[in-house]
Amino acid sequence: MIDTFLFFCLCSWSLAGVFGVDAVQSVSVTEGDSVTLNVTDIQTNDEIEWQFGQMLIAEINIKNYKYMFYDDSAGGRFRDRLKLDQTGSLIITNTRTTDSGLYTVTSSTRNTLLNTFNLSVFAHLPVPVITRDSSHCSSSSSSSSSCSLVCSVVNVSHVTLSWYKGNSLLSSISVSDLSRSLSLPLEIECLDDSYSCVVNNPIRNQTQHLNICQLCPPCPDCRGCGVTEAVIQLALSALVGVAGVAVLVYEFRSSLQQKKREKTSTSNTD
């Protein structure tokens, strides 16, 4: 029984030494930015080793601050982009999507895993493009029309593309594959321009707001966007009103001038 207990303790100590006790830390960054993977529980005499997956990419002696980078490791992807500070923390500059993966830092002196990082590098998000599907145009009533739209993004990965009406989610589609194009259709009413298309990843988003009257002109059998129609009608009414006032003023002045001429003619006769 005692032997079993001692064996269990030794196994537990060994696992703690090799695998550490800290959970994996998730770190996200946008492509092109720099990121620092911070080491904890450093001791003065530690010799630190950094690995990307199973590949050694850097090491440092904390006491005398001597370090080395293995530029040919990992296919040379980190060449001239790694730095180490005096705490042993790893700095990756000009990050790329191919830098995504698992990073581990160990103290070779103590045979101890210090930290594990799961780094995710996301590509820059493009602004969604909204286009009209002119093959689908219909009129649901005499005062409103429907418009078929498509929101698209190209060369994206690990993103979600969504349609919103105000703050309400209408539909969405997600992709996790590399370098794919996404399209999401939507049919809307021309009387409402509160729609937007959003593409997002875990750290950023890009939004394209819909200009309904610009993108969805009326179909041959539709009256068009209610807002534009109302503005045009108001402007025409105003012009008619101004013209009417001008005619009245002209008639009034003409009448006065005619009366003056008649009065003057009568005086001269007397």
C-alpha atoms as a PDB file:
ATOM      1  CA  MET A   1       0.000   0.000   0.000  1.00  0.00           C
ATOM      2  CA  ILE A   2       2.813   2.372   0.941  1.00  0.00           C
ATOM      3  CA  ASP A   3       4.704   1.444  -2.227  1.00  0.00           C
ATOM      4  CA  THR A   4       1.629   2.253  -4.299  1.00  0.00           C
ATOM      5  CA  PHE A   5       1.230   5.628  -2.582  1.00  0.00           C
ATOM      6  CA  LEU A   6       4.908   6.502  -3.175  1.00  0.00           C
ATOM      7  CA  PHE A   7       4.607   5.483  -6.814  1.00  0.00           C
ATOM      8  CA  PHE A   8       1.545   7.727  -7.230  1.00  0.00           C
ATOM      9  CA  CYS A   9       3.365  10.688  -5.648  1.00  0.00           C
ATOM     10  CA  LEU A  10       6.412  10.196  -7.869  1.00  0.00           C
ATOM     11  CA  CYS A  11       4.227  10.018 -10.965  1.00  0.00           C
ATOM     12  CA  SER A  12       2.354  13.165  -9.958  1.00  0.00           C
ATOM     13  CA  TRP A  13       5.622  15.041  -9.332  1.00  0.00           C
ATOM     14  CA  SER A  14       6.998  13.880 -12.666  1.00  0.00           C
ATOM     15  CA  LEU A  15       3.913  14.975 -14.564  1.00  0.00           C
ATOM     16  CA  ALA A  16       3.955  18.360 -12.853  1.00  0.00           C
ATOM     17  CA  GLY A  17       7.579  18.787 -13.811  1.00  0.00           C
ATOM     18  CA  VAL A  18       7.083  17.847 -17.433  1.00  0.00           C
ATOM     19  CA  PHE A  19       3.647  19.250 -18.182  1.00  0.00           C
ATOM     20  CA  GLY A  20       3.316  22.043 -15.616  1.00  0.00           C
ATOM     21  CA  VAL A  21       0.165  23.079 -13.896  1.00  0.00           C
ATOM     22  CA  ASP A  22      -0.920  26.164 -15.849  1.00  0.00           C
ATOM     23  CA  ALA A  23      -3.777  25.967 -18.336  1.00  0.00           C
ATOM     24  CA  VAL A  24      -3.259  26.824 -21.979  1.00  0.00           C
ATOM     25  CA  GLN A  25      -3.485  30.590 -22.490  1.00  0.00           C
ATOM     26  CA  SER A  26      -5.293  31.720 -25.631  1.00  0.00           C
ATOM     27  CA  VAL A  27      -3.830  34.756 -27.383  1.00  0.00           C
ATOM     28  CA  SER A  28      -5.356  36.437 -30.448  1.00  0.00           C
ATOM     29  CA  VAL A  29      -3.818  39.082 -32.674  1.00  0.00           C
ATOM     30  CA  THR A  30      -4.354  40.630 -36.113  1.00  0.00           C
ATOM     31  CA  GLU A  31      -1.870  39.804 -38.857  1.00  0.00           C
ATOM     32  CA  GLY A  32       1.002  42.295 -38.983  1.00  0.00           C
ATOM     33  CA  ASP A  33       0.818  43.225 -35.299  1.00  0.00           C
ATOM     34  CA  SER A  34       3.397  42.235 -32.690  1.00  0.00           C
ATOM     35  CA  VAL A  35       2.554  39.921 -29.829  1.00  0.00           C
ATOM     36  CA  THR A  36       4.323  39.140 -26.547  1.00  0.00           C
ATOM     37  CA  LEU A  37       4.024  35.733 -24.883  1.00  0.00           C
ATOM     38  CA  ASN A  38       4.780  36.459 -21.237  1.00  0.00           C
ATOM     39  CA  VAL A  39       6.612  33.931 -19.073  1.00  0.00           C
ATOM     40  CA  THR A  40       5.774  33.499 -15.388  1.00  0.00           C
ATOM     41  CA  ASP A  41       7.549  31.830 -12.460  1.00  0.00           C
ATOM     42  CA  ILE A  42      11.047  32.698 -13.718  1.00  0.00           C
ATOM     43  CA  GLN A  43      14.075  32.030 -11.530  1.00  0.00           C
ATOM     44  CA  THR A  44      17.491  33.662 -11.819  1.00  0.00           C
ATOM     45  CA  ASN A  45      19.352  30.518 -12.859  1.00  0.00           C
ATOM     46  CA  ASP A  46      16.769  29.366 -15.388  1.00  0.00           C
ATOM     47  CA  GLU A  47      17.689  28.417 -18.897  1.00  0.00           C
ATOM     48  CA  ILE A  48      14.558  28.927 -20.953  1.00  0.00           C
ATOM     49  CA  GLU A  49      13.562  27.093 -24.135  1.00  0.00           C
ATOM     50  CA  TRP A  50      10.765  28.145 -26.482  1.00  0.00           C
ATOM     51  CA  GLN A  51       9.095  25.663 -28.810  1.00  0.00           C
ATOM     52  CA  PHE A  52       6.579  26.062 -31.613  1.00  0.00           C
ATOM     53  CA  GLY A  53       4.823  22.730 -31.688  1.00  0.00           C
ATOM     54  CA  GLN A  54       7.698  20.280 -31.262  1.00  0.00           C
ATOM     55  CA  MET A  55      10.314  22.584 -32.845  1.00  0.00           C
ATOM     56  CA  LEU A  56      12.848  24.545 -30.772  1.00  0.00           C
ATOM     57  CA  ILE A  57      12.836  28.167 -31.935  1.00  0.00           C
ATOM     58  CA  ALA A  58      14.656  30.107 -29.175  1.00  0.00           C
ATOM     59  CA  GLU A  59      16.461  29.785 -25.859  1.00  0.00           C
ATOM     60  CA  ILE A  60      17.843  32.180 -23.266  1.00  0.00           C
ATOM     61  CA  ASN A  61      19.972  32.104 -20.117  1.00  0.00           C
ATOM     62  CA  ILE A  62      18.189  34.417 -17.692  1.00  0.00           C
ATOM     63  CA  LYS A  63      21.211  35.057 -15.474  1.00  0.00           C
ATOM     64  CA  ASN A  64      23.582  36.442 -18.114  1.00  0.00           C
ATOM     65  CA  TYR A  65      20.951  37.296 -20.753  1.00  0.00           C
ATOM     66  CA  LYS A  66      22.517  35.148 -23.445  1.00  0.00           C
ATOM     67  CA  TYR A  67      20.069  34.000 -26.062  1.00  0.00           C
ATOM     68  CA  MET A  68      19.883  32.190 -29.375  1.00  0.00           C
ATOM     69  CA  PHE A  69      17.301  32.000 -32.142  1.00  0.00           C
ATOM     70  CA  TYR A  70      16.989  28.963 -34.390  1.00  0.00           C
ATOM     71  CA  ASP A  71      16.204  30.712 -37.673  1.00  0.00           C
ATOM     72  CA  ASP A  72      16.083  27.506 -39.707  1.00  0.00           C
ATOM     73  CA  SER A  73      13.592  25.880 -37.372  1.00  0.00           C
ATOM     74  CA  ALA A  74       9.935  25.615 -38.406  1.00  0.00           C
ATOM     75  CA  GLY A  75      10.902  26.024 -42.048  1.00  0.00           C
ATOM     76  CA  GLY A  76      12.501  29.414 -41.365  1.00  0.00           C
ATOM     77  CA  ARG A  77       9.128  31.082 -40.848  1.00  0.00           C
ATOM     78  CA  PHE A  78      10.306  33.081 -37.812  1.00  0.00           C
ATOM     79  CA  ARG A  79      13.562  34.373 -39.319  1.00  0.00           C
ATOM     80  CA  ASP A  80      14.358  37.926 -38.077  1.00  0.00           C
ATOM     81  CA  ARG A  81      10.968  38.189 -36.355  1.00  0.00           C
ATOM     82  CA  LEU A  82      11.707  36.882 -32.849  1.00  0.00           C
ATOM     83  CA  LYS A  83      12.900  38.770 -29.772  1.00  0.00           C
ATOM     84  CA  LEU A  84      13.458  37.811 -26.128  1.00  0.00           C
ATOM     85  CA  ASP A  85      13.345  40.216 -23.213  1.00  0.00           C
ATOM     86  CA  GLN A  86      15.205  39.780 -19.921  1.00  0.00           C
ATOM     87  CA  THR A  87      12.304  37.875 -18.374  1.00  0.00           C
ATOM     88  CA  GLY A  88      12.455  35.269 -21.123  1.00  0.00           C
ATOM     89  CA  SER A  89       9.184  36.426 -22.690  1.00  0.00           C
ATOM     90  CA  LEU A  90       8.963  35.840 -26.437  1.00  0.00           C
ATOM     91  CA  ILE A  91       8.078  38.684 -28.803  1.00  0.00           C
ATOM     92  CA  ILE A  92       6.916  37.870 -32.326  1.00  0.00           C
ATOM     93  CA  THR A  93       6.942  40.832 -34.725  1.00  0.00           C
ATOM     94  CA  ASN A  94       5.062  41.253 -38.001  1.00  0.00           C
ATOM     95  CA  THR A  95       2.868  38.268 -37.215  1.00  0.00           C
ATOM     96  CA  ARG A  96       1.500  36.039 -39.969  1.00  0.00           C
ATOM     97  CA  THR A  97      -1.433  33.672 -40.064  1.00  0.00           C
ATOM     98  CA  THR A  98       1.064  30.800 -40.336  1.00  0.00           C
ATOM     99  CA  ASP A  99       2.319  31.725 -36.848  1.00  0.00           C
ATOM    100  CA  SER A 100      -0.896  30.347 -35.362  1.00  0.00           C
ATOM    101  CA  GLY A 101      -0.362  27.316 -33.182  1.00  0.00           C
ATOM    102  CA  LEU A 102       0.850  26.020 -29.825  1.00  0.00           C
ATOM    103  CA  TYR A 103       3.861  27.617 -28.107  1.00  0.00           C
ATOM    104  CA  THR A 104       5.491  26.142 -24.998  1.00  0.00           C
ATOM    105  CA  VAL A 105       8.195  27.579 -22.773  1.00  0.00           C
ATOM    106  CA  THR A 106      10.152  25.356 -20.387  1.00  0.00           C
ATOM    107  CA  SER A 107      12.937  25.707 -17.871  1.00  0.00           C
ATOM    108  CA  SER A 108      15.519  23.159 -18.960  1.00  0.00           C
ATOM    109  CA  THR A 109      17.319  23.775 -15.662  1.00  0.00           C
ATOM    110  CA  ARG A 110      14.331  22.612 -13.626  1.00  0.00           C
ATOM    111  CA  ASN A 111      12.797  20.351 -16.277  1.00  0.00           C
ATOM    112  CA  THR A 112       9.557  22.298 -15.804  1.00  0.00           C
ATOM    113  CA  LEU A 113       6.946  23.513 -18.230  1.00  0.00           C
ATOM    114  CA  LEU A 114       6.326  27.169 -17.386  1.00  0.00           C
ATOM    115  CA  ASN A 115       3.636  28.280 -19.831  1.00  0.00           C
ATOM    116  CA  THR A 116       1.665  27.107 -22.834  1.00  0.00           C
ATOM    117  CA  PHE A 117       0.110  29.501 -25.350  1.00  0.00           C
ATOM    118  CA  ASN A 118      -2.359  28.893 -28.143  1.00  0.00           C
ATOM    119  CA  LEU A 119      -1.727  31.765 -30.560  1.00  0.00           C
ATOM    120  CA  SER A 120      -4.308  32.678 -33.201  1.00  0.00           C
ATOM    121  CA  VAL A 121      -3.285  35.176 -35.877  1.00  0.00           C
ATOM    122  CA  PHE A 122      -6.239  36.505 -37.869  1.00  0.00           C
ATOM    123  CA  ALA A 123      -5.990  38.104 -41.298  1.00  0.00           C
ATOM    124  CA  HIS A 124      -7.253  41.658 -41.818  1.00  0.00           C
ATOM    125  CA  LEU A 125     -10.976  41.712 -42.448  1.00  0.00           C
ATOM    126  CA  PRO A 126     -12.252  43.111 -45.745  1.00  0.00           C
ATOM    127  CA  VAL A 127     -15.270  45.418 -45.807  1.00  0.00           C
ATOM    128  CA  PRO A 128     -18.312  43.444 -46.991  1.00  0.00           C
ATOM    129  CA  VAL A 129     -19.672  44.280 -50.439  1.00  0.00           C
ATOM    130  CA  ILE A 130     -23.435  44.518 -50.916  1.00  0.00           C
ATOM    131  CA  THR A 131     -24.823  44.042 -54.418  1.00  0.00           C
ATOM    132  CA  ARG A 132     -28.294  43.709 -55.839  1.00  0.00           C
ATOM    133  CA  ASP A 133     -29.552  40.539 -57.454  1.00  0.00           C
ATOM    134  CA  SER A 134     -31.437  42.176 -60.327  1.00  0.00           C
ATOM    135  CA  SER A 135     -32.852  38.829 -61.438  1.00  0.00           C
ATOM    136  CA  HIS A 136     -35.168  38.911 -58.417  1.00  0.00           C
ATOM    137  CA  CYS A 137     -37.377  41.984 -58.387  1.00  0.00           C
ATOM    138  CA  SER A 138     -41.007  41.898 -57.372  1.00  0.00           C
ATOM    139  CA  SER A 139     -43.772  44.107 -56.092  1.00  0.00           C
ATOM    140  CA  SER A 140     -45.744  42.998 -53.082  1.00  0.00           C
ATOM    141  CA  SER A 141     -48.145  45.957 -53.108  1.00  0.00           C
ATOM    142  CA  SER A 142     -48.693  49.337 -54.708  1.00  0.00           C
ATOM    143  CA  SER A 143     -46.802  51.126 -51.934  1.00  0.00           C
ATOM    144  CA  SER A 144     -43.817  48.870 -51.304  1.00  0.00           C
ATOM    145  CA  SER A 145     -41.430  46.651 -53.241  1.00  0.00           C
ATOM    146  CA  SER A 146     -38.967  43.904 -52.389  1.00  0.00           C
ATOM    147  CA  CYS A 147     -35.294  43.923 -53.289  1.00  0.00           C
ATOM    148  CA  SER A 148     -32.991  40.897 -53.383  1.00  0.00           C
ATOM    149  CA  LEU A 149     -29.468  41.583 -52.100  1.00  0.00           C
ATOM    150  CA  VAL A 150     -26.257  39.620 -51.690  1.00  0.00           C
ATOM    151  CA  CYS A 151     -23.504  40.447 -49.188  1.00  0.00           C
ATOM    152  CA  SER A 152     -20.068  39.019 -50.037  1.00  0.00           C
ATOM    153  CA  VAL A 153     -16.502  38.842 -48.720  1.00  0.00           C
ATOM    154  CA  VAL A 154     -13.503  37.187 -50.386  1.00  0.00           C
ATOM    155  CA  ASN A 155     -10.364  35.435 -49.147  1.00  0.00           C
ATOM    156  CA  VAL A 156     -11.461  35.048 -45.527  1.00  0.00           C
ATOM    157  CA  SER A 157     -11.095  32.361 -42.888  1.00  0.00           C
ATOM    158  CA  HIS A 158     -12.497  31.802 -39.402  1.00  0.00           C
ATOM    159  CA  VAL A 159     -15.167  34.480 -39.869  1.00  0.00           C
ATOM    160  CA  THR A 160     -18.923  34.907 -39.607  1.00  0.00           C
ATOM    161  CA  LEU A 161     -20.923  36.897 -42.160  1.00  0.00           C
ATOM    162  CA  SER A 162     -24.253  38.282 -40.916  1.00  0.00           C
ATOM    163  CA  TRP A 163     -27.214  40.412 -41.942  1.00  0.00           C
ATOM    164  CA  TYR A 164     -28.707  42.755 -39.337  1.00  0.00           C
ATOM    165  CA  LYS A 165     -31.824  44.889 -39.202  1.00  0.00           C
ATOM    166  CA  GLY A 166     -30.934  47.486 -36.642  1.00  0.00           C
ATOM    167  CA  ASN A 167     -29.504  45.405 -33.796  1.00  0.00           C
ATOM    168  CA  SER A 168     -31.485  42.276 -34.663  1.00  0.00           C
ATOM    169  CA  LEU A 169     -29.670  39.372 -36.317  1.00  0.00           C
ATOM    170  CA  LEU A 170     -31.496  38.152 -39.421  1.00  0.00           C
ATOM    171  CA  SER A 171     -29.166  35.477 -40.793  1.00  0.00           C
ATOM    172  CA  SER A 172     -25.526  34.411 -40.690  1.00  0.00           C
ATOM    173  CA  ILE A 173     -23.018  31.978 -42.149  1.00  0.00           C
ATOM    174  CA  SER A 174     -19.593  30.931 -40.813  1.00  0.00           C
ATOM    175  CA  VAL A 175     -16.436  29.480 -42.318  1.00  0.00           C
ATOM    176  CA  SER A 176     -13.299  28.053 -40.740  1.00  0.00           C
ATOM    177  CA  ASP A 177     -11.455  27.007 -43.903  1.00  0.00           C
ATOM    178  CA  LEU A 178      -8.573  29.046 -45.306  1.00  0.00           C
ATOM    179  CA  SER A 179      -9.047  31.624 -48.085  1.00  0.00           C
ATOM    180  CA  ARG A 180     -12.686  31.134 -48.890  1.00  0.00           C
ATOM    181  CA  SER A 181     -15.332  33.449 -50.256  1.00  0.00           C
ATOM    182  CA  LEU A 182     -18.673  33.883 -48.510  1.00  0.00           C
ATOM    183  CA  SER A 183     -21.999  35.156 -49.814  1.00  0.00           C
ATOM    184  CA  LEU A 184     -25.237  35.679 -47.908  1.00  0.00           C
ATOM    185  CA  PRO A 185     -28.500  36.628 -49.680  1.00  0.00           C
ATOM    186  CA  LEU A 186     -31.316  38.728 -48.231  1.00  0.00           C
ATOM    187  CA  GLU A 187     -34.637  40.005 -49.535  1.00  0.00           C
ATOM    188  CA  ILE A 188     -35.816  43.260 -48.006  1.00  0.00           C
ATOM    189  CA  GLU A 189     -38.559  45.847 -48.318  1.00  0.00           C
ATOM    190  CA  CYS A 190     -37.592  49.069 -50.086  1.00  0.00           C
ATOM    191  CA  LEU A 191     -39.325  51.157 -47.431  1.00  0.00           C
ATOM    192  CA  ASP A 192     -36.721  50.259 -44.783  1.00  0.00           C
ATOM    193  CA  ASP A 193     -33.017  51.170 -44.934  1.00  0.00           C
ATOM    194  CA  SER A 194     -31.926  50.019 -41.457  1.00  0.00           C
ATOM    195  CA  TYR A 195     -30.048  46.979 -42.769  1.00  0.00           C
ATOM    196  CA  SER A 196     -26.331  46.249 -42.489  1.00  0.00           C
ATOM    197  CA  CYS A 197     -23.943  43.419 -43.312  1.00  0.00           C
ATOM    198  CA  VAL A 198     -21.206  42.517 -40.817  1.00  0.00           C
ATOM    199  CA  VAL A 199     -18.168  40.248 -41.111  1.00  0.00           C
ATOM    200  CA  ASN A 200     -16.400  39.410 -37.869  1.00  0.00           C
ATOM    201  CA  ASN A 201     -13.758  37.167 -36.340  1.00  0.00           C
ATOM    202  CA  PRO A 202     -13.109  36.728 -32.598  1.00  0.00           C
ATOM    203  CA  ILE A 203     -11.285  40.066 -32.312  1.00  0.00           C
ATOM    204  CA  ARG A 204     -12.579  42.450 -34.994  1.00  0.00           C
ATOM    205  CA  ASN A 205     -15.461  43.252 -37.316  1.00  0.00           C
ATOM    206  CA  GLN A 206     -16.229  45.233 -40.452  1.00  0.00           C
ATOM    207  CA  THR A 207     -19.654  46.670 -41.256  1.00  0.00           C
ATOM    208  CA  GLN A 208     -21.288  47.792 -44.490  1.00  0.00           C
ATOM    209  CA  HIS A 209     -24.508  49.779 -44.144  1.00  0.00           C
ATOM    210  CA  LEU A 210     -27.107  49.509 -46.870  1.00  0.00           C
ATOM    211  CA  ASN A 211     -28.132  52.579 -48.858  1.00  0.00           C
ATOM    212  CA  ILE A 212     -31.453  51.203 -49.958  1.00  0.00           C
ATOM    213  CA  CYS A 213     -32.466  54.006 -52.329  1.00  0.00           C
ATOM    214  CA  GLN A 214     -29.124  53.921 -54.129  1.00  0.00           C
ATOM    215  CA  LEU A 215     -28.835  50.161 -54.444  1.00  0.00           C
ATOM    216  CA  CYS A 216     -32.493  49.300 -54.976  1.00  0.00           C
ATOM    217  CA  PRO A 217     -34.004  51.680 -57.549  1.00  0.00           C
ATOM    218  CA  PRO A 218     -37.622  50.876 -58.335  1.00  0.00           C
ATOM    219  CA  CYS A 219     -38.453  48.008 -60.657  1.00  0.00           C
ATOM    220  CA  PRO A 220     -40.592  48.851 -63.711  1.00  0.00           C
ATOM    221  CA  ASP A 221     -43.715  47.820 -61.786  1.00  0.00           C
ATOM    222  CA  CYS A 222     -42.654  49.294 -58.431  1.00  0.00           C
ATOM    223  CA  ARG A 223     -43.131  52.775 -57.031  1.00  0.00           C
ATOM    224  CA  GLY A 224     -39.642  52.773 -55.532  1.00  0.00           C
ATOM    225  CA  CYS A 225     -38.284  53.865 -52.207  1.00  0.00           C
ATOM    226  CA  GLY A 226     -40.847  55.650 -50.097  1.00  0.00           C
ATOM    227  CA  VAL A 227     -38.445  58.224 -48.692  1.00  0.00           C
ATOM    228  CA  THR A 228     -37.212  59.412 -52.098  1.00  0.00           C
ATOM    229  CA  GLU A 229     -40.743  59.495 -53.483  1.00  0.00           C
ATOM    230  CA  ALA A 230     -41.975  61.575 -50.548  1.00  0.00           C
ATOM    231  CA  VAL A 231     -39.129  64.073 -50.936  1.00  0.00           C
ATOM    232  CA  ILE A 232     -39.808  64.472 -54.657  1.00  0.00           C
ATOM    233  CA  GLN A 233     -43.527  64.982 -54.057  1.00  0.00           C
ATOM    234  CA  LEU A 234     -42.818  67.555 -51.358  1.00  0.00           C
ATOM    235  CA  ALA A 235     -40.417  69.441 -53.624  1.00  0.00           C
ATOM    236  CA  LEU A 236     -42.940  69.476 -56.468  1.00  0.00           C
ATOM    237  CA  SER A 237     -45.670  70.698 -54.127  1.00  0.00           C
ATOM    238  CA  ALA A 238     -43.407  73.488 -52.908  1.00  0.00           C
ATOM    239  CA  LEU A 239     -42.605  74.549 -56.469  1.00  0.00           C
ATOM    240  CA  VAL A 240     -46.287  74.599 -57.379  1.00  0.00           C
ATOM    241  CA  GLY A 241     -47.038  76.654 -54.285  1.00  0.00           C
ATOM    242  CA  VAL A 242     -44.317  79.193 -55.047  1.00  0.00           C
ATOM    243  CA  ALA A 243     -45.484  79.458 -58.634  1.00  0.00           C
ATOM    244  CA  GLY A 244     -49.057  80.031 -57.476  1.00  0.00           C
ATOM    245  CA  VAL A 245     -48.009  82.822 -55.114  1.00  0.00           C
ATOM    246  CA  ALA A 246     -45.964  84.437 -57.877  1.00  0.00           C
ATOM    247  CA  VAL A 247     -48.970  84.407 -60.214  1.00  0.00           C
ATOM    248  CA  LEU A 248     -51.196  85.992 -57.560  1.00  0.00           C
ATOM    249  CA  VAL A 249     -48.653  88.739 -56.861  1.00  0.00           C
ATOM    250  CA  TYR A 250     -48.291  89.410 -60.576  1.00  0.00           C
ATOM    251  CA  GLU A 251     -52.073  89.626 -61.045  1.00  0.00           C
ATOM    252  CA  PHE A 252     -52.425  91.940 -58.032  1.00  0.00           C
ATOM    253  CA  ARG A 253     -49.728  94.312 -59.278  1.00  0.00           C
ATOM    254  CA  SER A 254     -51.162  94.299 -62.789  1.00  0.00           C
ATOM    255  CA  SER A 255     -54.585  95.168 -61.400  1.00  0.00           C
ATOM    256  CA  LEU A 256     -53.170  98.103 -59.403  1.00  0.00           C
ATOM    257  CA  GLN A 257     -51.279  99.442 -62.405  1.00  0.00           C
ATOM    258  CA  GLN A 258     -54.405  99.177 -64.585  1.00  0.00           C
ATOM    259  CA  LYS A 259     -56.450 101.138 -62.026  1.00  0.00           C
ATOM    260  CA  LYS A 260     -53.761 103.842 -61.855  1.00  0.00           C
ATOM    261  CA  ARG A 261     -53.748 104.186 -65.638  1.00  0.00           C
ATOM    262  CA  GLU A 262     -57.546 104.453 -65.735  1.00  0.00           C
ATOM    263  CA  LYS A 263     -57.530 107.098 -62.965  1.00  0.00           C
ATOM    264  CA  THR A 264     -54.855 109.131 -64.718  1.00  0.00           C
ATOM    265  CA  SER A 265     -56.751 108.986 -68.012  1.00  0.00           C
ATOM    266  CA  THR A 266     -59.943 110.239 -66.343  1.00  0.00           C
ATOM    267  CA  SER A 267     -58.119 113.195 -64.695  1.00  0.00           C
ATOM    268  CA  ASN A 268     -56.603 114.303 -68.007  1.00  0.00           C
ATOM    269  CA  THR A 269     -60.019 114.262 -69.692  1.00  0.00           C
ATOM    270  CA  ASP A 270     -61.510 116.550 -67.018  1.00  0.00           C
END
